[in-house]
C-alpha cells in the first residue's frame, strides 16, 4: 500500500495515496488517462526532486543491444548469452532478441491482439483490470504503483 503520508508543496497538502487509489480504482491505465484528454501529468507520476539528483544520463537509446539466442542450448555458448542478457539488463533495461524460435507470424498476431485489446473501450478493459498476478491474464498499470516513489508513464 502507498505510504499514508502527505506531501506539502507551496502550502498545498497532497494526498498521494488517495490519488493513486483513485487512479487504480478507475481501471483505465495510462492510455485511459491520455484518452480522457488530460492536459497535465498527474502528480504521482512525477519523481520527487531528491530522486532525480542521482540519475545519470542513460545510454544512447539508438544503441539497443541485440542478443542472438542461437546456440543457447550449447553449453559453450550459453554462459556468454546469459552474460549478454545480464549486461544489457543492467546497462539499458531492455534489449532485442533474435533467433528465439518464435515465428514472425505468431509475433505479428500477438502484437495485433495487444493493439486491438488496448483500443477497446475502458469499460471492456476494466473487466480484466486487477492486480492478482496468479490469475493468468491481467490488465493493469505499474506493478509497483503503490510502492514506488513515482509511477511509470507507460
C-alpha atoms as a PDB file:
ATOM      1  CA  UNK A   1       0.000   0.000   0.000  1.00  0.00           C
ATOM      2  CA  UNK A   2       1.212   3.549  -0.626  1.00  0.00           C
ATOM      3  CA  UNK A   3       2.541   5.493   2.320  1.00  0.00           C
ATOM      4  CA  UNK A   4      -0.242   7.346   4.076  1.00  0.00           C
ATOM      5  CA  UNK A   5       1.970  10.395   4.385  1.00  0.00           C
ATOM      6  CA  UNK A   6       1.054  13.536   2.531  1.00  0.00           C
ATOM      7  CA  UNK A   7       3.406  15.953   0.837  1.00  0.00           C
ATOM      8  CA  UNK A   8       3.399  19.681   1.462  1.00  0.00           C
ATOM      9  CA  UNK A   9       4.340  21.809  -1.523  1.00  0.00           C
ATOM     10  CA  UNK A  10       3.699  25.526  -1.750  1.00  0.00           C
ATOM     11  CA  UNK A  11       1.392  25.369   1.302  1.00  0.00           C
ATOM     12  CA  UNK A  12      -0.724  22.781  -0.520  1.00  0.00           C
ATOM     13  CA  UNK A  13      -1.251  19.359   1.048  1.00  0.00           C
ATOM     14  CA  UNK A  14      -1.039  16.485  -1.401  1.00  0.00           C
ATOM     15  CA  UNK A  15      -2.502  13.082  -0.578  1.00  0.00           C
ATOM     16  CA  UNK A  16      -0.551  10.846  -2.950  1.00  0.00           C
ATOM     17  CA  UNK A  17      -2.094   7.621  -1.629  1.00  0.00           C
ATOM     18  CA  UNK A  18      -5.585   8.960  -2.350  1.00  0.00           C
ATOM     19  CA  UNK A  19      -4.675   9.954  -5.920  1.00  0.00           C
ATOM     20  CA  UNK A  20      -3.052   6.586  -6.621  1.00  0.00           C
ATOM     21  CA  UNK A  21      -6.052   4.708  -5.239  1.00  0.00           C
ATOM     22  CA  UNK A  22      -8.462   6.786  -7.336  1.00  0.00           C
ATOM     23  CA  UNK A  23      -6.347   6.148 -10.446  1.00  0.00           C
ATOM     24  CA  UNK A  24      -6.176   2.413  -9.791  1.00  0.00           C
ATOM     25  CA  UNK A  25      -9.887   2.199  -8.928  1.00  0.00           C
ATOM     26  CA  UNK A  26     -10.742   3.905 -12.245  1.00  0.00           C
ATOM     27  CA  UNK A  27      -9.196   0.866 -14.002  1.00  0.00           C
ATOM     28  CA  UNK A  28      -8.239   2.873 -17.086  1.00  0.00           C
ATOM     29  CA  UNK A  29      -4.439   2.792 -17.028  1.00  0.00           C
ATOM     30  CA  UNK A  30      -2.206   5.421 -18.577  1.00  0.00           C
ATOM     31  CA  UNK A  31      -3.809   5.102 -22.008  1.00  0.00           C
ATOM     32  CA  UNK A  32      -7.168   5.793 -20.399  1.00  0.00           C
ATOM     33  CA  UNK A  33      -5.758   8.984 -18.903  1.00  0.00           C
ATOM     34  CA  UNK A  34      -4.469  10.072 -22.294  1.00  0.00           C
ATOM     35  CA  UNK A  35      -7.754   9.148 -23.985  1.00  0.00           C
ATOM     36  CA  UNK A  36      -9.632  11.194 -21.376  1.00  0.00           C
ATOM     37  CA  UNK A  37      -7.921  14.336 -22.657  1.00  0.00           C
ATOM     38  CA  UNK A  38      -5.874  15.231 -19.597  1.00  0.00           C
ATOM     39  CA  UNK A  39      -3.661  18.265 -20.112  1.00  0.00           C
ATOM     40  CA  UNK A  40      -1.254  17.738 -17.215  1.00  0.00           C
ATOM     41  CA  UNK A  41       0.542  14.673 -15.931  1.00  0.00           C
ATOM     42  CA  UNK A  42      -0.906  13.559 -12.579  1.00  0.00           C
ATOM     43  CA  UNK A  43       1.405  14.388  -9.713  1.00  0.00           C
ATOM     44  CA  UNK A  44       2.021  10.797  -8.599  1.00  0.00           C
ATOM     45  CA  UNK A  45       3.857  10.220 -11.902  1.00  0.00           C
ATOM     46  CA  UNK A  46       6.391  12.946 -11.063  1.00  0.00           C
ATOM     47  CA  UNK A  47       9.619  11.928  -9.366  1.00  0.00           C
ATOM     48  CA  UNK A  48      10.482  13.827  -6.190  1.00  0.00           C
ATOM     49  CA  UNK A  49      13.469  16.163  -6.778  1.00  0.00           C
ATOM     50  CA  UNK A  50      15.655  14.186  -4.358  1.00  0.00           C
ATOM     51  CA  UNK A  51      15.352  11.039  -6.510  1.00  0.00           C
ATOM     52  CA  UNK A  52      16.265  12.896  -9.691  1.00  0.00           C
ATOM     53  CA  UNK A  53      19.572  14.298  -8.453  1.00  0.00           C
ATOM     54  CA  UNK A  54      21.292  10.894  -8.500  1.00  0.00           C
ATOM     55  CA  UNK A  55      20.233   9.957 -12.017  1.00  0.00           C
ATOM     56  CA  UNK A  56      22.832   9.603 -14.722  1.00  0.00           C
ATOM     57  CA  UNK A  57      22.454  10.150 -18.434  1.00  0.00           C
ATOM     58  CA  UNK A  58      21.084   6.952 -19.962  1.00  0.00           C
ATOM     59  CA  UNK A  59      22.950   5.220 -22.768  1.00  0.00           C
ATOM     60  CA  UNK A  60      22.113   6.244 -26.323  1.00  0.00           C
ATOM     61  CA  UNK A  61      18.681   4.673 -26.976  1.00  0.00           C
ATOM     62  CA  UNK A  62      19.659   4.173 -30.617  1.00  0.00           C
ATOM     63  CA  UNK A  63      22.094   1.533 -29.398  1.00  0.00           C
ATOM     64  CA  UNK A  64      19.595  -1.105 -28.310  1.00  0.00           C
ATOM     65  CA  UNK A  65      21.564  -4.313 -27.765  1.00  0.00           C
ATOM     66  CA  UNK A  66      20.649  -7.260 -29.977  1.00  0.00           C
ATOM     67  CA  UNK A  67      21.162 -10.670 -28.400  1.00  0.00           C
ATOM     68  CA  UNK A  68      21.274 -13.779 -30.564  1.00  0.00           C
ATOM     69  CA  UNK A  69      19.850 -16.853 -28.823  1.00  0.00           C
ATOM     70  CA  UNK A  70      21.188 -19.202 -31.485  1.00  0.00           C
ATOM     71  CA  UNK A  71      23.375 -21.591 -29.528  1.00  0.00           C
ATOM     72  CA  UNK A  72      21.546 -21.146 -26.224  1.00  0.00           C
ATOM     73  CA  UNK A  73      21.465 -24.918 -25.763  1.00  0.00           C
ATOM     74  CA  UNK A  74      25.174 -25.238 -26.493  1.00  0.00           C
ATOM     75  CA  UNK A  75      26.962 -25.394 -23.132  1.00  0.00           C
ATOM     76  CA  UNK A  76      29.917 -23.396 -24.503  1.00  0.00           C
ATOM     77  CA  UNK A  77      27.745 -20.511 -25.755  1.00  0.00           C
ATOM     78  CA  UNK A  78      25.067 -20.447 -23.048  1.00  0.00           C
ATOM     79  CA  UNK A  79      27.104 -18.587 -20.409  1.00  0.00           C
ATOM     80  CA  UNK A  80      28.089 -15.929 -22.960  1.00  0.00           C
ATOM     81  CA  UNK A  81      24.452 -15.416 -23.963  1.00  0.00           C
ATOM     82  CA  UNK A  82      23.341 -15.235 -20.321  1.00  0.00           C
ATOM     83  CA  UNK A  83      26.058 -12.658 -19.608  1.00  0.00           C
ATOM     84  CA  UNK A  84      24.930 -10.558 -22.592  1.00  0.00           C
ATOM     85  CA  UNK A  85      21.354 -10.579 -21.264  1.00  0.00           C
ATOM     86  CA  UNK A  86      22.555  -9.605 -17.775  1.00  0.00           C
ATOM     87  CA  UNK A  87      24.772  -6.825 -19.131  1.00  0.00           C
ATOM     88  CA  UNK A  88      22.021  -5.395 -21.363  1.00  0.00           C
ATOM     89  CA  UNK A  89      19.539  -5.563 -18.484  1.00  0.00           C
ATOM     90  CA  UNK A  90      21.865  -3.656 -16.164  1.00  0.00           C
ATOM     91  CA  UNK A  91      23.024  -1.139 -18.768  1.00  0.00           C
ATOM     92  CA  UNK A  92      19.811  -0.215 -20.546  1.00  0.00           C
ATOM     93  CA  UNK A  93      16.998  -2.252 -19.043  1.00  0.00           C
ATOM     94  CA  UNK A  94      15.877  -3.834 -22.298  1.00  0.00           C
ATOM     95  CA  UNK A  95      17.219  -5.450 -25.447  1.00  0.00           C
ATOM     96  CA  UNK A  96      16.191  -7.124 -28.699  1.00  0.00           C
ATOM     97  CA  UNK A  97      16.354 -10.888 -29.030  1.00  0.00           C
ATOM     98  CA  UNK A  98      16.855 -12.693 -32.333  1.00  0.00           C
ATOM     99  CA  UNK A  99      16.738 -16.400 -33.157  1.00  0.00           C
ATOM    100  CA  UNK A 100      14.325 -17.030 -30.267  1.00  0.00           C
ATOM    101  CA  UNK A 101      12.323 -19.589 -32.211  1.00  0.00           C
ATOM    102  CA  UNK A 102       9.009 -17.711 -32.253  1.00  0.00           C
ATOM    103  CA  UNK A 103       7.632 -17.494 -35.777  1.00  0.00           C
ATOM    104  CA  UNK A 104       7.233 -13.930 -37.155  1.00  0.00           C
ATOM    105  CA  UNK A 105       3.572 -14.646 -37.923  1.00  0.00           C
ATOM    106  CA  UNK A 106       2.957 -15.540 -34.264  1.00  0.00           C
ATOM    107  CA  UNK A 107       4.649 -12.324 -33.131  1.00  0.00           C
ATOM    108  CA  UNK A 108       2.581 -10.241 -35.548  1.00  0.00           C
ATOM    109  CA  UNK A 109      -0.662 -11.861 -34.369  1.00  0.00           C
ATOM    110  CA  UNK A 110       0.287 -11.293 -30.729  1.00  0.00           C
ATOM    111  CA  UNK A 111       1.158  -7.623 -31.303  1.00  0.00           C
ATOM    112  CA  UNK A 112      -2.060  -7.193 -33.279  1.00  0.00           C
ATOM    113  CA  UNK A 113      -4.115  -8.717 -30.463  1.00  0.00           C
ATOM    114  CA  UNK A 114      -2.465  -6.423 -27.917  1.00  0.00           C
ATOM    115  CA  UNK A 115      -3.253  -3.385 -30.075  1.00  0.00           C
ATOM    116  CA  UNK A 116      -6.874  -4.495 -30.515  1.00  0.00           C
ATOM    117  CA  UNK A 117      -7.229  -5.028 -26.763  1.00  0.00           C
ATOM    118  CA  UNK A 118      -5.749  -1.630 -25.910  1.00  0.00           C
ATOM    119  CA  UNK A 119      -8.085   0.117 -28.344  1.00  0.00           C
ATOM    120  CA  UNK A 120     -11.155  -1.352 -26.605  1.00  0.00           C
ATOM    121  CA  UNK A 121     -13.383   0.993 -24.595  1.00  0.00           C
ATOM    122  CA  UNK A 122     -12.300   1.474 -20.973  1.00  0.00           C
ATOM    123  CA  UNK A 123     -15.346  -0.478 -19.736  1.00  0.00           C
ATOM    124  CA  UNK A 124     -14.173  -3.595 -21.584  1.00  0.00           C
ATOM    125  CA  UNK A 125     -10.604  -3.347 -20.281  1.00  0.00           C
ATOM    126  CA  UNK A 126     -11.860  -2.669 -16.750  1.00  0.00           C
ATOM    127  CA  UNK A 127     -13.354  -6.184 -16.650  1.00  0.00           C
ATOM    128  CA  UNK A 128      -9.851  -7.677 -16.589  1.00  0.00           C
ATOM    129  CA  UNK A 129      -8.117  -4.885 -14.650  1.00  0.00           C
ATOM    130  CA  UNK A 130      -6.789  -6.393 -11.428  1.00  0.00           C
ATOM    131  CA  UNK A 131      -3.533  -6.859  -9.552  1.00  0.00           C
ATOM    132  CA  UNK A 132      -3.677 -10.614  -8.843  1.00  0.00           C
ATOM    133  CA  UNK A 133      -0.630 -11.876 -10.680  1.00  0.00           C
ATOM    134  CA  UNK A 134      -1.504 -15.570 -10.348  1.00  0.00           C
ATOM    135  CA  UNK A 135      -4.794 -15.433 -12.235  1.00  0.00           C
ATOM    136  CA  UNK A 136      -3.408 -15.625 -15.764  1.00  0.00           C
ATOM    137  CA  UNK A 137      -4.381 -12.649 -17.907  1.00  0.00           C
ATOM    138  CA  UNK A 138      -4.482  -9.266 -16.198  1.00  0.00           C
ATOM    139  CA  UNK A 139      -4.577  -5.661 -17.346  1.00  0.00           C
ATOM    140  CA  UNK A 140      -3.123  -3.038 -15.054  1.00  0.00           C
ATOM    141  CA  UNK A 141      -0.513  -0.337 -14.942  1.00  0.00           C
ATOM    142  CA  UNK A 142       2.667  -0.177 -12.902  1.00  0.00           C
ATOM    143  CA  UNK A 143       3.355  -3.362 -10.966  1.00  0.00           C
ATOM    144  CA  UNK A 144       4.834  -1.221  -8.185  1.00  0.00           C
ATOM    145  CA  UNK A 145       2.210   1.553  -8.321  1.00  0.00           C
ATOM    146  CA  UNK A 146       1.566   1.504  -4.574  1.00  0.00           C
ATOM    147  CA  UNK A 147       5.244   1.167  -3.608  1.00  0.00           C
ATOM    148  CA  UNK A 148       7.353   3.315  -5.952  1.00  0.00           C
ATOM    149  CA  UNK A 149       8.269   6.940  -5.374  1.00  0.00           C
ATOM    150  CA  UNK A 150       6.770   7.782  -8.778  1.00  0.00           C
ATOM    151  CA  UNK A 151       4.569   5.802 -11.141  1.00  0.00           C
ATOM    152  CA  UNK A 152       5.817   4.981 -14.629  1.00  0.00           C
ATOM    153  CA  UNK A 153       4.124   6.717 -17.533  1.00  0.00           C
ATOM    154  CA  UNK A 154       3.574   3.618 -19.671  1.00  0.00           C
END
